Protein backbone atom coordinates (compact mmCIF):
# COMPACT_ATOMS: atom_id res chain seq x y z
CA MET A 1 -2.45 3.09 21.01
CA PRO A 2 -1.20 3.71 17.44
CA LEU A 3 -2.91 1.89 14.59
CA LEU A 4 0.51 0.63 13.49
CA GLU A 5 3.51 0.19 15.76
CA ILE A 6 6.78 -1.33 14.60
CA SER A 7 9.86 -2.07 16.69
CA ARG A 8 13.23 -3.77 16.12
CA LEU A 9 12.18 -4.89 12.63
CA LYS A 10 14.83 -6.61 10.52
CA LYS A 11 14.79 -8.32 7.14
CA ALA A 12 17.66 -9.67 5.06
CA PHE A 13 17.91 -11.58 1.80
CA VAL A 14 20.57 -13.87 0.38
CA GLY A 15 22.48 -12.13 -2.42
CA PRO A 16 23.61 -13.62 -5.77
CA GLU A 17 26.92 -14.70 -4.25
CA GLY A 18 25.32 -16.32 -1.24
CA ASP A 19 26.03 -13.50 1.18
CA LYS A 20 23.34 -12.15 3.47
CA GLN A 21 22.23 -8.62 2.58
CA SER A 22 20.40 -6.57 5.19
CA ILE A 23 17.46 -4.69 3.68
CA ILE A 24 15.39 -3.48 6.64
CA ASP A 25 16.58 -2.43 10.10
CA VAL A 26 13.89 -0.26 11.68
CA LYS A 27 14.20 0.40 15.40
CA TYR A 28 10.81 2.09 15.77
CA PHE A 29 7.99 3.46 13.64
CA SER A 30 4.35 4.22 14.41
CA LEU A 31 1.30 5.54 12.59
CA ALA A 32 -1.85 6.89 14.19
CA ALA A 33 -5.35 5.99 13.05
CA LYS A 34 -6.54 8.18 10.14
CA ALA A 35 -3.07 9.78 9.78
CA GLN A 36 -1.57 10.44 6.34
CA VAL A 37 2.20 10.11 6.21
CA ALA A 38 4.68 9.91 3.32
CA LEU A 39 8.07 8.21 3.50
CA GLN A 40 10.68 9.65 1.14
CA GLY A 41 13.42 7.43 -0.19
CA GLU A 42 15.30 6.69 -3.37
CA SER A 43 14.67 3.63 -5.52
CA GLY A 44 16.36 0.62 -3.98
CA SER A 45 16.24 1.93 -0.42
CA GLY A 46 13.94 -0.84 0.81
CA LYS A 47 10.64 1.07 0.85
CA THR A 48 8.67 -1.63 -0.97
CA THR A 49 10.08 -4.34 1.29
CA PHE A 50 9.00 -2.26 4.29
CA LEU A 51 5.41 -2.04 3.01
CA GLN A 52 5.33 -5.75 2.21
CA LEU A 53 6.44 -6.56 5.74
CA ILE A 54 3.68 -4.36 7.17
CA ALA A 55 1.13 -6.04 4.90
CA GLY A 56 2.27 -9.51 5.89
CA ILE A 57 3.29 -10.36 2.33
CA LEU A 58 6.82 -10.91 3.64
CA LYS A 59 7.73 -12.26 7.06
CA PRO A 60 10.39 -10.40 9.05
CA ASP A 61 13.50 -12.10 10.37
CA THR A 62 13.00 -10.44 13.74
CA GLY A 63 10.93 -7.67 15.25
CA SER A 64 7.37 -6.68 16.02
CA ILE A 65 4.61 -5.37 13.76
CA LEU A 66 1.56 -4.51 15.80
CA LEU A 67 -1.39 -3.72 13.53
CA ALA A 68 -4.80 -2.80 14.92
CA GLY A 69 -3.84 -4.47 18.18
CA GLN A 70 -2.64 -7.72 16.61
CA GLU A 71 0.95 -8.91 16.46
CA MET A 72 1.59 -10.00 12.86
CA SER A 73 4.46 -12.34 13.71
CA GLU A 74 2.23 -14.42 15.99
CA LEU A 75 -0.33 -15.12 13.27
CA LYS A 76 -0.40 -18.14 11.00
CA GLU A 77 -0.19 -17.45 7.28
CA SER A 78 -3.94 -17.90 6.82
CA GLN A 79 -4.59 -15.51 9.73
CA ARG A 80 -2.25 -12.91 8.24
CA ASP A 81 -4.09 -13.23 4.94
CA ARG A 82 -7.42 -12.58 6.65
CA LEU A 83 -6.06 -9.63 8.63
CA ARG A 84 -4.55 -8.14 5.47
CA ALA A 85 -7.79 -8.55 3.55
CA SER A 86 -9.91 -6.93 6.24
CA THR A 87 -7.55 -4.26 7.58
CA ILE A 88 -5.15 -3.24 4.79
CA GLY A 89 -5.68 -1.78 1.33
CA TYR A 90 -2.59 -2.01 -0.91
CA ILE A 91 -2.03 0.24 -3.94
CA PHE A 92 0.75 -1.20 -6.10
CA GLN A 93 2.89 0.92 -8.39
CA SER A 94 2.13 -1.46 -11.27
CA PHE A 95 -1.57 -1.61 -10.23
CA ASN A 96 -1.65 -5.46 -10.30
CA LEU A 97 -5.14 -5.54 -11.81
CA LEU A 98 -6.41 -8.89 -13.08
CA GLN A 99 -6.51 -8.49 -16.84
CA GLY A 100 -9.23 -11.08 -17.43
CA TYR A 101 -11.68 -9.31 -15.12
CA THR A 102 -13.65 -6.10 -15.57
CA CYS A 103 -13.18 -3.05 -13.34
CA LEU A 104 -16.17 -4.05 -11.26
CA GLU A 105 -15.05 -7.67 -11.03
CA ASN A 106 -11.58 -6.60 -9.82
CA VAL A 107 -13.18 -4.75 -6.92
CA LEU A 108 -15.73 -7.49 -6.18
CA LEU A 109 -12.98 -10.12 -6.13
CA ALA A 110 -11.05 -8.11 -3.55
CA MET A 111 -14.22 -7.99 -1.45
CA SER A 112 -14.60 -11.76 -1.63
CA PHE A 113 -11.34 -12.14 0.34
CA GLY A 114 -12.39 -9.63 2.98
CA ARG A 115 -15.67 -8.55 4.54
CA GLY A 116 -17.86 -10.06 1.83
CA VAL A 117 -19.14 -8.95 -1.57
CA ASN A 118 -21.18 -5.75 -1.64
CA ARG A 119 -21.92 -4.86 -5.26
CA GLY A 120 -23.59 -1.57 -4.35
CA PHE A 121 -20.55 -0.36 -2.42
CA ALA A 122 -18.20 -1.53 -5.19
CA GLU A 123 -20.15 0.44 -7.77
CA ALA A 124 -20.25 3.45 -5.45
CA LEU A 125 -16.46 3.34 -5.07
CA LEU A 126 -15.91 3.16 -8.82
CA ASN A 127 -18.35 6.01 -9.28
CA ARG A 128 -16.43 8.00 -6.65
CA VAL A 129 -13.19 7.58 -8.59
CA GLY A 130 -14.85 8.66 -11.83
CA LEU A 131 -15.40 5.28 -13.48
CA ALA A 132 -19.18 4.93 -13.36
CA ASP A 133 -19.22 4.45 -17.14
CA ARG A 134 -16.32 1.95 -17.11
CA LEU A 135 -17.68 -0.76 -14.81
CA GLN A 136 -17.66 -3.44 -17.50
CA HIS A 137 -14.40 -2.35 -19.14
CA TYR A 138 -11.28 -4.50 -18.86
CA PRO A 139 -7.95 -3.00 -17.69
CA ARG A 140 -6.55 -3.14 -21.23
CA GLN A 141 -9.39 -0.86 -22.34
CA LEU A 142 -8.45 1.82 -19.82
CA SER A 143 -5.82 4.54 -19.75
CA THR A 144 -2.99 4.28 -17.22
CA GLY A 145 -4.68 6.89 -15.04
CA GLN A 146 -7.98 5.02 -15.14
CA GLN A 147 -6.27 1.77 -14.15
CA GLN A 148 -4.81 3.59 -11.15
CA ARG A 149 -8.33 4.67 -10.20
CA VAL A 150 -9.51 1.06 -10.26
CA ALA A 151 -6.56 0.17 -8.03
CA VAL A 152 -7.63 2.89 -5.57
CA ALA A 153 -11.22 1.61 -5.50
CA ARG A 154 -10.02 -1.96 -5.01
CA ALA A 155 -7.75 -0.91 -2.12
CA LEU A 156 -10.73 0.64 -0.33
CA ALA A 157 -13.16 -2.17 -1.11
CA ASN A 158 -13.00 -3.75 2.35
CA ARG A 159 -13.07 -0.44 4.23
CA PRO A 160 -9.51 -0.90 5.50
CA LYS A 161 -8.08 0.88 8.51
CA LEU A 162 -4.76 1.31 6.69
CA VAL A 163 -3.93 1.99 3.04
CA LEU A 164 -0.38 1.32 1.85
CA ALA A 165 0.61 3.09 -1.37
CA ASP A 166 3.82 2.03 -3.12
CA GLU A 167 4.99 4.75 -5.54
CA PRO A 168 1.38 5.24 -6.73
CA THR A 169 2.33 8.03 -9.15
CA GLY A 170 5.36 6.23 -10.58
CA ASN A 171 3.64 5.21 -13.84
CA LEU A 172 1.68 8.43 -14.33
CA ASP A 173 2.50 11.77 -15.91
CA GLN A 174 2.70 14.77 -13.59
CA ARG A 175 -0.87 15.93 -14.11
CA SER A 176 -2.37 12.46 -13.76
CA GLY A 177 -0.14 11.76 -10.78
CA ARG A 178 -1.29 14.88 -8.96
CA SER A 179 -4.92 13.99 -9.63
CA ALA A 180 -4.49 10.35 -8.55
CA LEU A 181 -2.76 11.31 -5.32
CA ALA A 182 -5.43 13.86 -4.44
CA LEU A 183 -8.01 11.14 -5.04
CA ILE A 184 -6.17 8.63 -2.84
CA ARG A 185 -5.89 11.12 0.02
CA GLN A 186 -9.49 12.25 -0.24
CA THR A 187 -10.99 8.77 -0.44
CA CYS A 188 -8.86 7.63 2.50
CA HIS A 189 -10.15 10.61 4.47
CA GLU A 190 -13.76 9.86 3.53
CA ASN A 191 -13.37 6.23 4.57
CA ASN A 192 -11.49 7.01 7.83
CA ALA A 193 -8.44 5.07 6.63
CA ALA A 194 -4.87 5.92 7.56
CA LEU A 195 -2.49 6.32 4.61
CA LEU A 196 1.19 5.39 4.46
CA LEU A 197 2.74 6.29 1.11
CA VAL A 198 6.32 5.66 -0.01
CA SER A 199 7.80 7.61 -2.89
CA HIS A 200 10.84 9.37 -4.29
CA ASP A 201 8.64 11.72 -6.36
CA ARG A 202 9.11 15.24 -4.98
CA GLU A 203 5.89 16.44 -6.62
CA ALA A 204 3.93 13.74 -4.82
CA LEU A 205 5.70 14.31 -1.53
CA SER A 206 5.01 18.05 -1.67
CA GLN A 207 1.29 17.33 -1.22
CA PHE A 208 1.83 15.85 2.27
CA GLU A 209 2.04 17.79 5.50
CA HIS A 210 3.90 14.91 7.19
CA VAL A 211 6.95 13.59 5.31
CA GLN A 212 9.67 11.44 6.86
CA GLN A 213 12.99 10.41 5.35
CA PHE A 214 13.02 6.64 5.07
CA SER A 215 16.76 6.65 5.77
CA GLN A 216 16.03 8.13 9.21
CA ILE A 217 14.00 5.12 10.29
CA ASN A 218 15.79 2.41 8.26
CA GLN A 219 19.38 1.98 9.42
CA THR A 220 20.41 -0.20 6.47
CA SER A 221 22.54 1.53 3.86
CA PRO A 222 20.73 1.86 0.48
CA ARG A 223 23.90 0.49 -1.17
CA GLU A 224 23.12 -2.90 0.35
CA VAL A 225 19.64 -3.11 -1.16
CA PRO A 226 19.63 -5.11 -4.44
CA ALA A 227 16.78 -3.21 -6.17
């Protein structure tokens, strides 16, 4: 059984003029445990919405999302939150770090919503991503690349089975982006986590052996997607 199996998934939003705009129409998609797959698509093609549906941040209009043997649509909101915290690591393009918390506290807080706080493992993760001397630094005291590294450590804090990465190199220069992506792939491999990355960055996509066109699985025209 795949780690992630999606079928007949649809999501639409109401546009500015009150009309319904279809964003996601995925007939079938699956991802094996420990696999690393990239989805290529232009900005506005619905890639972020797709990841948010998988993570349970958004609820689909129709369709099935089977994650680690559990059907997301059958879970209550609190149950989806728990499943997301324990099974999914999410790397946001904008990092979404809490500015009032240190690097270590950002990772520990993520743990508090999942399997429980493990300070030793949190420090080990930050050390693994090259931030052993930045544990007590705040995000504003870090470079963009260092903030991305905190985001990677936080995503792996609960030893997830699946890591979702939304344009993780979008805010980095080419060199930093290449380094960050190599780190994401390696740390996922070391922690036995599958990786699903979405991007339109050809440099990032070139590092993957398995790349799929998002337009081939999403039948909605990109012109219909608002942003």
